[in-house]
Protein backbone atom coordinates (compact mmCIF):
# COMPACT_ATOMS: atom_id res chain seq x y z
CA MET A 1 0.00 0.00 0.00
CA ASN A 2 1.11 3.62 0.25
CA GLY A 3 1.96 3.99 3.93
CA GLY A 4 -1.38 5.66 4.49
CA LYS A 5 -0.88 9.05 2.82
CA THR A 6 -4.00 10.42 1.22
CA ILE A 7 -5.00 13.57 -0.63
CA LYS A 8 -8.62 14.66 -0.66
CA PHE A 9 -10.18 16.37 -3.68
CA SER A 10 -13.51 18.12 -4.17
CA HIS A 11 -15.91 16.05 -6.26
CA GLU A 12 -15.77 18.50 -9.18
CA LEU A 13 -12.01 17.94 -9.57
CA VAL A 14 -12.21 14.14 -9.78
CA PRO A 15 -13.18 13.99 -13.50
CA LEU A 16 -10.30 16.37 -14.34
CA ILE A 17 -7.86 14.04 -12.57
CA ILE A 18 -9.29 10.92 -14.20
CA SER A 19 -9.13 12.52 -17.67
CA GLY A 20 -5.51 13.57 -17.13
CA GLU A 21 -6.31 17.27 -17.42
CA LYS A 22 -5.41 17.92 -13.77
CA THR A 23 -1.93 16.64 -12.91
CA ALA A 24 -1.03 18.93 -10.01
CA THR A 25 -2.39 20.04 -6.67
CA TRP A 26 -1.41 22.73 -4.21
CA ARG A 27 -1.41 21.93 -0.51
CA LEU A 28 -1.17 24.60 2.17
CA TRP A 29 0.18 23.98 5.65
CA ASP A 30 1.31 20.46 4.60
CA ASP A 31 1.02 18.25 7.68
CA LYS A 32 1.68 15.00 5.79
CA ASP A 33 5.27 15.72 4.72
CA PHE A 34 4.64 14.96 1.05
CA ARG A 35 7.78 13.95 -0.87
CA VAL A 36 8.71 12.90 -4.39
CA GLY A 37 8.15 9.18 -4.76
CA ASP A 38 5.32 8.99 -2.22
CA LYS A 39 2.48 6.69 -3.23
CA VAL A 40 -0.80 8.28 -2.19
CA THR A 41 -4.47 7.38 -2.34
CA PHE A 42 -6.74 10.06 -3.78
CA ILE A 43 -10.03 10.49 -1.93
CA LYS A 44 -13.21 12.07 -3.33
CA LYS A 45 -15.04 14.50 -1.05
CA PRO A 46 -17.60 14.62 0.47
CA GLU A 47 -18.13 10.85 0.18
CA LEU A 48 -14.54 10.09 1.30
CA LEU A 49 -14.26 7.33 -1.30
CA PRO A 50 -10.86 6.37 -2.77
CA PHE A 51 -10.80 6.86 -6.54
CA ALA A 52 -7.13 6.56 -7.57
CA GLU A 53 -3.63 5.69 -6.51
CA ALA A 54 -0.87 8.05 -7.61
CA GLU A 55 2.83 8.70 -7.29
CA LEU A 56 4.16 12.16 -6.47
CA VAL A 57 6.66 13.15 -9.17
CA LEU A 58 7.43 16.73 -8.07
CA VAL A 59 7.08 18.48 -4.74
CA LYS A 60 8.28 22.05 -4.28
CA GLN A 61 7.56 24.54 -1.54
CA LYS A 62 6.92 28.24 -2.04
CA THR A 63 4.90 30.94 -0.38
CA PHE A 64 1.52 31.74 -1.86
CA GLY A 65 2.86 35.12 -3.01
CA GLN A 66 5.62 33.42 -5.03
CA ILE A 67 3.21 31.32 -7.10
CA GLY A 68 3.40 32.35 -10.72
CA GLU A 69 7.06 33.44 -10.62
CA ASP A 70 7.70 30.20 -12.51
CA ASP A 71 5.35 29.53 -15.45
CA ASN A 72 5.23 25.86 -14.49
CA ASP A 73 3.44 26.64 -11.21
CA PHE A 74 0.06 26.54 -12.96
CA MET A 75 0.79 23.56 -15.23
CA GLY A 76 -1.86 20.89 -14.74
CA HIS A 77 -3.67 23.00 -12.14
CA GLU A 78 -6.95 24.90 -12.29
CA GLN A 79 -6.91 28.67 -11.86
CA TYR A 80 -9.35 30.85 -9.98
CA PHE A 81 -10.23 34.52 -10.36
CA ASP A 82 -9.21 35.16 -6.75
CA MET A 83 -6.77 32.47 -5.59
CA TYR A 84 -6.53 33.92 -2.07
CA LYS A 85 -10.28 33.77 -1.56
CA ALA A 86 -10.62 30.29 -3.10
CA TYR A 87 -7.93 28.81 -0.87
CA SER A 88 -9.10 30.69 2.23
CA ASP A 89 -12.53 29.12 1.62
CA TYR A 90 -11.02 25.64 1.08
CA TYR A 91 -8.98 25.69 4.25
CA GLY A 92 -11.25 27.78 6.46
CA LYS A 93 -8.48 30.18 7.40
CA LYS A 94 -6.94 33.25 5.85
CA VAL A 95 -4.40 32.68 3.08
CA GLU A 96 -1.81 35.43 2.73
CA ARG A 97 1.31 36.11 0.65
CA ASP A 98 3.57 34.34 3.15
CA THR A 99 1.35 31.24 3.57
CA PRO A 100 3.43 28.13 2.73
CA VAL A 101 2.22 26.07 -0.22
CA LYS A 102 3.49 22.83 -1.70
CA ILE A 103 3.12 22.48 -5.44
CA ILE A 104 2.68 18.77 -6.07
CA ARG A 105 2.66 17.05 -9.44
CA PHE A 106 1.44 13.49 -9.66
CA LYS A 107 0.97 10.61 -12.05
CA ILE A 108 -1.92 8.24 -11.71
CA LEU A 109 -0.82 4.64 -11.14
CA LYS A 110 -4.32 3.16 -11.21
CA LEU A 111 -7.94 4.14 -10.94
CA LEU A 112 -9.96 2.47 -8.20
């Protein structure tokens, strides 16, 4: 198995992951110590059902304010009109320029 690491996704993102359109995720305040090579189970919210197993192929840390300095930051990731508001809503706390974010790229190993 994967050692128990999971990443949860909103239900509307699941089809984008399955189709291969979404190949990256951003995680704020990473409490799971994500690293390249980790095998993780992707979980669909709100049902909390596993839908895929993936391997992390890139993990880099920045602050939220640094996102976009590198064109690759948005590759494989959806964009929002107001990223600060979207992520503040996701996490239920205020996201600011100095909030740490991990940019994580993944490849799907198998769909469940």
